[in-house]
């Protein structure tokens, strides 16, 4: 789906390997006025960013096959163009917000399973922390 520049501040990149979770979350966020770009793998998500997708926020699953959300975040932080995009980690891994931030920097954490409301609130906090786009 093409995203117009007027909607750019409401674009969410969702890096999640589970197609059902990607679809249901996208539907919920679209109901809230967001445009969602889905990526099934770390490489696909990084490719979207490097090809010009300019999301207001990234939703990032930690536990994915081959390369994980940890790998994604390391590459994101190493790239001066991508490092400022806020991240909301969605995971069932049981990791604490404190330990996650020690390794990933400023991120929001939303444990799975999550509600649309908790996700939208985490996105709002992430955007506020970075001064929004």
N, C-alpha and C. Protein backbone atom coordinates (compact mmCIF):
# COMPACT_ATOMS: atom_id res chain seq x y z
N UNK A 1 0.84 -1.17 0.00
CA UNK A 1 0.00 0.00 0.00
C UNK A 1 0.88 1.23 0.00
N UNK A 2 0.74 2.13 -0.96
CA UNK A 2 1.53 3.35 -0.96
C UNK A 2 1.12 4.25 0.19
N UNK A 3 2.10 4.89 0.79
CA UNK A 3 1.83 5.77 1.91
C UNK A 3 2.09 7.19 1.47
N UNK A 4 1.09 8.04 1.63
CA UNK A 4 1.26 9.44 1.25
C UNK A 4 2.08 10.15 2.30
N UNK A 5 2.71 11.26 1.94
CA UNK A 5 3.54 11.98 2.89
C UNK A 5 2.73 12.51 4.06
N UNK A 6 1.46 12.84 3.85
CA UNK A 6 0.64 13.33 4.95
C UNK A 6 0.37 12.24 5.98
N UNK A 7 0.47 10.99 5.58
CA UNK A 7 0.24 9.88 6.51
C UNK A 7 1.55 9.33 7.06
N UNK A 8 2.67 9.89 6.65
CA UNK A 8 3.97 9.33 7.01
C UNK A 8 4.17 9.25 8.52
N UNK A 9 3.66 10.20 9.26
CA UNK A 9 3.88 10.18 10.70
C UNK A 9 3.06 9.09 11.38
N UNK A 10 2.20 8.43 10.66
CA UNK A 10 1.38 7.35 11.22
C UNK A 10 1.76 5.99 10.66
N UNK A 11 2.94 5.89 10.04
CA UNK A 11 3.38 4.61 9.48
C UNK A 11 4.10 3.80 10.55
N UNK A 12 3.74 2.53 10.63
CA UNK A 12 4.36 1.58 11.56
C UNK A 12 4.97 0.46 10.73
N UNK A 13 6.23 0.16 10.98
CA UNK A 13 6.86 -1.03 10.40
C UNK A 13 6.78 -2.12 11.46
N UNK A 14 6.17 -3.24 11.11
CA UNK A 14 5.99 -4.35 12.06
C UNK A 14 6.82 -5.53 11.59
N UNK A 15 7.91 -5.84 12.30
CA UNK A 15 8.79 -6.95 11.98
C UNK A 15 8.39 -8.12 12.89
N UNK A 16 7.71 -9.08 12.30
CA UNK A 16 7.11 -10.20 13.04
C UNK A 16 7.00 -11.40 12.11
N UNK A 17 7.51 -12.55 12.54
CA UNK A 17 7.50 -13.72 11.67
C UNK A 17 6.16 -14.44 11.61
N UNK A 18 5.29 -14.23 12.58
CA UNK A 18 3.99 -14.90 12.60
C UNK A 18 2.97 -14.11 11.78
N UNK A 19 2.56 -14.69 10.66
CA UNK A 19 1.65 -13.99 9.73
C UNK A 19 0.32 -13.63 10.38
N UNK A 20 -0.21 -14.50 11.24
CA UNK A 20 -1.49 -14.21 11.89
C UNK A 20 -1.37 -13.03 12.85
N UNK A 21 -0.28 -12.98 13.60
CA UNK A 21 -0.07 -11.85 14.51
C UNK A 21 0.12 -10.56 13.72
N UNK A 22 0.91 -10.64 12.64
CA UNK A 22 1.10 -9.45 11.79
C UNK A 22 -0.24 -8.94 11.28
N UNK A 23 -1.06 -9.85 10.78
CA UNK A 23 -2.35 -9.44 10.18
C UNK A 23 -3.30 -8.87 11.22
N UNK A 24 -3.45 -9.54 12.36
CA UNK A 24 -4.40 -9.05 13.36
C UNK A 24 -3.94 -7.73 13.97
N UNK A 25 -2.64 -7.60 14.20
CA UNK A 25 -2.12 -6.36 14.75
C UNK A 25 -2.26 -5.24 13.73
N UNK A 26 -1.97 -5.52 12.47
CA UNK A 26 -2.12 -4.50 11.43
C UNK A 26 -3.57 -4.03 11.36
N UNK A 27 -4.50 -4.95 11.42
CA UNK A 27 -5.91 -4.58 11.37
C UNK A 27 -6.28 -3.67 12.55
N UNK A 28 -5.83 -4.02 13.73
CA UNK A 28 -6.11 -3.20 14.92
C UNK A 28 -5.50 -1.81 14.81
N UNK A 29 -4.26 -1.75 14.35
CA UNK A 29 -3.59 -0.46 14.23
C UNK A 29 -4.19 0.39 13.11
N UNK A 30 -4.60 -0.26 12.03
CA UNK A 30 -5.25 0.48 10.95
C UNK A 30 -6.57 1.08 11.43
N UNK A 31 -7.28 0.37 12.31
CA UNK A 31 -8.50 0.91 12.91
C UNK A 31 -8.21 2.16 13.75
N UNK A 32 -6.97 2.27 14.23
CA UNK A 32 -6.54 3.41 15.04
C UNK A 32 -5.94 4.53 14.18
N UNK A 33 -5.93 4.33 12.85
CA UNK A 33 -5.44 5.37 11.96
C UNK A 33 -4.00 5.23 11.51
N UNK A 34 -3.37 4.10 11.82
CA UNK A 34 -2.00 3.87 11.38
C UNK A 34 -1.99 3.14 10.05
N UNK A 35 -0.95 3.36 9.28
CA UNK A 35 -0.66 2.55 8.09
C UNK A 35 0.43 1.58 8.50
N UNK A 36 0.23 0.30 8.27
CA UNK A 36 1.18 -0.72 8.75
C UNK A 36 1.87 -1.38 7.56
N UNK A 37 3.20 -1.41 7.64
CA UNK A 37 4.01 -2.15 6.67
C UNK A 37 4.55 -3.35 7.43
N UNK A 38 4.27 -4.54 6.93
CA UNK A 38 4.70 -5.76 7.59
C UNK A 38 5.95 -6.32 6.97
N UNK A 39 6.80 -6.91 7.82
CA UNK A 39 8.00 -7.59 7.37
C UNK A 39 8.09 -8.91 8.14
N UNK A 40 8.34 -9.98 7.42
CA UNK A 40 8.36 -11.32 8.02
C UNK A 40 9.70 -11.66 8.66
N UNK A 41 10.76 -11.02 8.20
CA UNK A 41 12.10 -11.34 8.70
C UNK A 41 12.87 -10.06 9.04
N UNK A 42 13.94 -10.23 9.77
CA UNK A 42 14.83 -9.12 10.08
C UNK A 42 15.34 -8.48 8.80
N UNK A 43 15.81 -9.31 7.87
CA UNK A 43 16.36 -8.77 6.62
C UNK A 43 15.30 -8.02 5.81
N UNK A 44 14.08 -8.54 5.80
CA UNK A 44 13.00 -7.85 5.08
C UNK A 44 12.71 -6.50 5.75
N UNK A 45 12.69 -6.47 7.07
CA UNK A 45 12.44 -5.22 7.78
C UNK A 45 13.53 -4.19 7.53
N UNK A 46 14.78 -4.61 7.62
CA UNK A 46 15.89 -3.70 7.35
C UNK A 46 15.86 -3.24 5.89
N UNK A 47 15.49 -4.15 4.99
CA UNK A 47 15.37 -3.80 3.58
C UNK A 47 14.31 -2.73 3.35
N UNK A 48 13.18 -2.85 4.03
CA UNK A 48 12.13 -1.82 3.92
C UNK A 48 12.67 -0.46 4.32
N UNK A 49 13.40 -0.43 5.43
CA UNK A 49 13.95 0.83 5.90
C UNK A 49 14.97 1.40 4.92
N UNK A 50 15.81 0.54 4.41
CA UNK A 50 16.87 1.01 3.50
C UNK A 50 16.35 1.36 2.12
N UNK A 51 15.13 0.90 1.81
CA UNK A 51 14.52 1.25 0.53
C UNK A 51 13.63 2.48 0.63
N UNK A 52 13.59 3.10 1.80
CA UNK A 52 12.89 4.37 1.91
C UNK A 52 11.62 4.38 2.73
N UNK A 53 11.18 3.25 3.26
CA UNK A 53 10.04 3.29 4.18
C UNK A 53 10.51 4.12 5.37
N UNK A 54 9.72 5.11 5.76
CA UNK A 54 10.11 6.01 6.85
C UNK A 54 9.05 5.95 7.95
N UNK A 55 9.09 4.90 8.77
CA UNK A 55 8.05 4.74 9.77
C UNK A 55 8.23 5.70 10.94
N UNK A 56 7.12 6.02 11.58
CA UNK A 56 7.18 6.79 12.82
C UNK A 56 7.71 5.92 13.94
N UNK A 57 7.44 4.61 13.85
CA UNK A 57 7.84 3.68 14.90
C UNK A 57 7.98 2.28 14.29
N UNK A 58 8.82 1.47 14.93
CA UNK A 58 9.01 0.08 14.53
C UNK A 58 8.48 -0.81 15.65
N UNK A 59 7.61 -1.76 15.30
CA UNK A 59 7.21 -2.81 16.22
C UNK A 59 8.11 -4.00 15.90
N UNK A 60 8.74 -4.55 16.93
CA UNK A 60 9.77 -5.56 16.70
C UNK A 60 9.57 -6.77 17.59
N UNK A 61 9.37 -7.91 16.96
CA UNK A 61 9.33 -9.18 17.68
C UNK A 61 10.78 -9.59 17.98
N UNK A 62 11.02 -10.14 19.14
CA UNK A 62 12.37 -10.59 19.48
C UNK A 62 12.68 -11.97 18.97
N UNK A 63 11.74 -12.89 19.12
CA UNK A 63 11.99 -14.30 18.85
C UNK A 63 11.56 -14.65 17.43
N UNK A 64 12.53 -14.64 16.52
CA UNK A 64 12.27 -15.01 15.13
C UNK A 64 13.34 -16.00 14.70
N UNK A 65 13.01 -16.85 13.73
CA UNK A 65 14.02 -17.81 13.27
C UNK A 65 15.14 -17.10 12.48
N UNK A 66 16.27 -17.71 12.43
CA UNK A 66 17.46 -17.27 11.71
C UNK A 66 18.08 -16.03 12.37
N UNK A 67 17.47 -14.87 12.19
CA UNK A 67 17.96 -13.63 12.82
C UNK A 67 16.85 -13.10 13.71
N UNK A 68 17.23 -12.61 14.88
CA UNK A 68 16.26 -12.20 15.89
C UNK A 68 16.08 -10.69 15.93
N UNK A 69 15.14 -10.27 16.77
CA UNK A 69 14.95 -8.85 17.00
C UNK A 69 16.19 -8.19 17.58
N UNK A 70 16.97 -8.96 18.34
CA UNK A 70 18.23 -8.43 18.87
C UNK A 70 19.16 -8.06 17.71
N UNK A 71 19.23 -8.93 16.69
CA UNK A 71 20.06 -8.66 15.50
C UNK A 71 19.57 -7.40 14.78
N UNK A 72 18.25 -7.30 14.64
CA UNK A 72 17.66 -6.13 13.97
C UNK A 72 18.08 -4.86 14.70
N UNK A 73 17.90 -4.85 16.02
CA UNK A 73 18.18 -3.64 16.79
C UNK A 73 19.67 -3.28 16.73
N UNK A 74 20.56 -4.26 16.77
CA UNK A 74 22.00 -3.97 16.65
C UNK A 74 22.29 -3.27 15.33
N UNK A 75 21.72 -3.79 14.23
CA UNK A 75 21.96 -3.16 12.92
C UNK A 75 21.31 -1.78 12.84
N UNK A 76 20.13 -1.65 13.41
CA UNK A 76 19.45 -0.36 13.41
C UNK A 76 20.31 0.68 14.14
N UNK A 77 20.80 0.33 15.32
CA UNK A 77 21.59 1.29 16.11
C UNK A 77 22.92 1.63 15.45
N UNK A 78 23.45 0.72 14.64
CA UNK A 78 24.72 0.95 13.96
C UNK A 78 24.57 1.86 12.74
N UNK A 79 23.35 2.07 12.29
CA UNK A 79 23.09 2.88 11.10
C UNK A 79 22.64 4.28 11.52
N UNK A 80 23.43 5.31 11.23
CA UNK A 80 23.09 6.66 11.68
C UNK A 80 21.76 7.18 11.13
N UNK A 81 21.31 6.65 10.02
CA UNK A 81 20.04 7.09 9.44
C UNK A 81 18.86 6.42 10.14
N UNK A 82 19.04 5.18 10.59
CA UNK A 82 17.95 4.40 11.15
C UNK A 82 17.88 4.44 12.67
N UNK A 83 18.95 4.80 13.32
CA UNK A 83 19.03 4.62 14.78
C UNK A 83 18.02 5.45 15.57
N UNK A 84 17.54 6.55 15.01
CA UNK A 84 16.62 7.42 15.75
C UNK A 84 15.16 6.98 15.67
N UNK A 85 14.86 5.99 14.85
CA UNK A 85 13.46 5.53 14.75
C UNK A 85 13.11 4.78 16.03
N UNK A 86 12.07 5.21 16.74
CA UNK A 86 11.71 4.54 17.99
C UNK A 86 11.23 3.11 17.76
N UNK A 87 11.45 2.28 18.79
CA UNK A 87 11.12 0.86 18.70
C UNK A 87 10.24 0.45 19.88
N UNK A 88 9.22 -0.33 19.55
CA UNK A 88 8.39 -0.99 20.54
C UNK A 88 8.61 -2.49 20.35
N UNK A 89 9.17 -3.14 21.37
CA UNK A 89 9.42 -4.57 21.31
C UNK A 89 8.17 -5.30 21.78
N UNK A 90 7.70 -6.24 20.97
CA UNK A 90 6.58 -7.10 21.33
C UNK A 90 7.12 -8.53 21.42
N UNK A 91 6.97 -9.13 22.59
CA UNK A 91 7.59 -10.44 22.76
C UNK A 91 6.89 -11.26 23.83
N UNK A 92 7.00 -12.56 23.68
CA UNK A 92 6.52 -13.49 24.70
C UNK A 92 7.71 -14.08 25.46
N UNK A 93 8.88 -13.51 25.28
CA UNK A 93 10.11 -14.09 25.84
C UNK A 93 10.23 -13.96 27.35
N UNK A 94 9.48 -13.06 27.96
CA UNK A 94 9.56 -12.88 29.41
C UNK A 94 10.70 -11.98 29.84
N UNK A 95 11.38 -11.35 28.91
CA UNK A 95 12.47 -10.43 29.23
C UNK A 95 11.90 -9.20 29.94
N UNK A 96 12.65 -8.66 30.88
CA UNK A 96 12.19 -7.47 31.59
C UNK A 96 12.52 -6.22 30.78
N UNK A 97 11.75 -5.17 31.00
CA UNK A 97 11.99 -3.90 30.31
C UNK A 97 13.39 -3.37 30.66
N UNK A 98 13.79 -3.53 31.90
CA UNK A 98 15.10 -3.04 32.34
C UNK A 98 16.24 -3.74 31.61
N UNK A 99 16.20 -5.07 31.56
CA UNK A 99 17.29 -5.78 30.88
C UNK A 99 17.27 -5.54 29.37
N UNK A 100 16.08 -5.39 28.83
CA UNK A 100 15.95 -5.09 27.41
C UNK A 100 16.60 -3.74 27.09
N UNK A 101 16.33 -2.73 27.90
CA UNK A 101 16.89 -1.40 27.67
C UNK A 101 18.40 -1.36 27.89
N UNK A 102 18.92 -2.21 28.76
CA UNK A 102 20.37 -2.26 28.96
C UNK A 102 21.08 -2.69 27.69
N UNK A 103 20.45 -3.57 26.94
CA UNK A 103 21.08 -4.07 25.71
C UNK A 103 20.63 -3.33 24.46
N UNK A 104 19.40 -2.81 24.44
CA UNK A 104 18.84 -2.23 23.23
C UNK A 104 18.71 -0.72 23.27
N UNK A 105 18.97 -0.11 24.40
CA UNK A 105 18.76 1.33 24.51
C UNK A 105 17.29 1.62 24.77
N UNK A 106 16.89 2.82 24.46
CA UNK A 106 15.52 3.27 24.75
C UNK A 106 14.52 2.57 23.83
N UNK A 107 13.81 1.61 24.38
CA UNK A 107 12.73 0.93 23.67
C UNK A 107 11.56 0.78 24.63
N UNK A 108 10.39 0.63 24.08
CA UNK A 108 9.20 0.28 24.86
C UNK A 108 9.02 -1.23 24.77
N UNK A 109 8.44 -1.82 25.80
CA UNK A 109 8.20 -3.25 25.82
C UNK A 109 6.71 -3.51 26.00
N UNK A 110 6.17 -4.37 25.13
CA UNK A 110 4.79 -4.82 25.25
C UNK A 110 4.81 -6.35 25.21
N UNK A 111 4.50 -6.99 26.35
CA UNK A 111 4.50 -8.46 26.37
C UNK A 111 3.33 -9.03 25.56
N UNK A 112 3.61 -10.15 24.90
CA UNK A 112 2.54 -10.90 24.22
C UNK A 112 1.89 -11.81 25.24
N UNK A 113 0.60 -12.05 25.14
CA UNK A 113 -0.36 -11.40 24.23
C UNK A 113 -0.65 -9.98 24.71
N UNK A 114 -0.94 -9.12 23.75
CA UNK A 114 -1.19 -7.72 24.06
C UNK A 114 -2.54 -7.30 23.52
N UNK A 115 -3.03 -6.19 24.04
CA UNK A 115 -4.27 -5.61 23.54
C UNK A 115 -3.93 -4.47 22.60
N UNK A 116 -4.89 -4.10 21.78
CA UNK A 116 -4.68 -2.94 20.90
C UNK A 116 -4.38 -1.70 21.73
N UNK A 117 -5.09 -1.56 22.83
CA UNK A 117 -4.91 -0.39 23.67
C UNK A 117 -3.49 -0.31 24.23
N UNK A 118 -2.98 -1.44 24.75
CA UNK A 118 -1.63 -1.42 25.31
C UNK A 118 -0.59 -1.14 24.23
N UNK A 119 -0.82 -1.62 23.03
CA UNK A 119 0.10 -1.38 21.93
C UNK A 119 0.08 0.08 21.51
N UNK A 120 -1.10 0.65 21.37
CA UNK A 120 -1.21 2.06 20.98
C UNK A 120 -0.60 2.96 22.07
N UNK A 121 -0.79 2.61 23.32
CA UNK A 121 -0.19 3.38 24.41
C UNK A 121 1.34 3.31 24.36
N UNK A 122 1.88 2.13 24.07
CA UNK A 122 3.33 1.98 23.96
C UNK A 122 3.88 2.77 22.77
N UNK A 123 3.15 2.77 21.66
CA UNK A 123 3.56 3.56 20.50
C UNK A 123 3.58 5.04 20.87
N UNK A 124 2.55 5.50 21.57
CA UNK A 124 2.49 6.91 21.99
C UNK A 124 3.68 7.25 22.90
N UNK A 125 4.02 6.36 23.83
CA UNK A 125 5.18 6.61 24.71
C UNK A 125 6.47 6.65 23.92
N UNK A 126 6.62 5.75 22.97
CA UNK A 126 7.84 5.70 22.15
C UNK A 126 7.98 6.98 21.33
N UNK A 127 6.87 7.43 20.76
CA UNK A 127 6.91 8.65 19.96
C UNK A 127 7.20 9.87 20.83
N UNK A 128 6.61 9.91 22.01
CA UNK A 128 6.84 11.04 22.93
C UNK A 128 8.30 11.07 23.39
N UNK A 129 8.88 9.90 23.62
CA UNK A 129 10.27 9.83 24.09
C UNK A 129 11.26 10.34 23.06
N UNK A 130 10.90 10.21 21.78
CA UNK A 130 11.82 10.66 20.72
C UNK A 130 11.41 12.02 20.16
N UNK A 131 10.39 12.62 20.73
CA UNK A 131 9.93 13.91 20.24
C UNK A 131 9.01 13.81 19.05
N UNK A 132 8.55 12.60 18.75
CA UNK A 132 7.65 12.31 17.63
C UNK A 132 8.25 12.77 16.32
N UNK A 133 7.63 12.37 15.23
CA UNK A 133 8.10 12.76 13.90
C UNK A 133 7.17 13.77 13.32
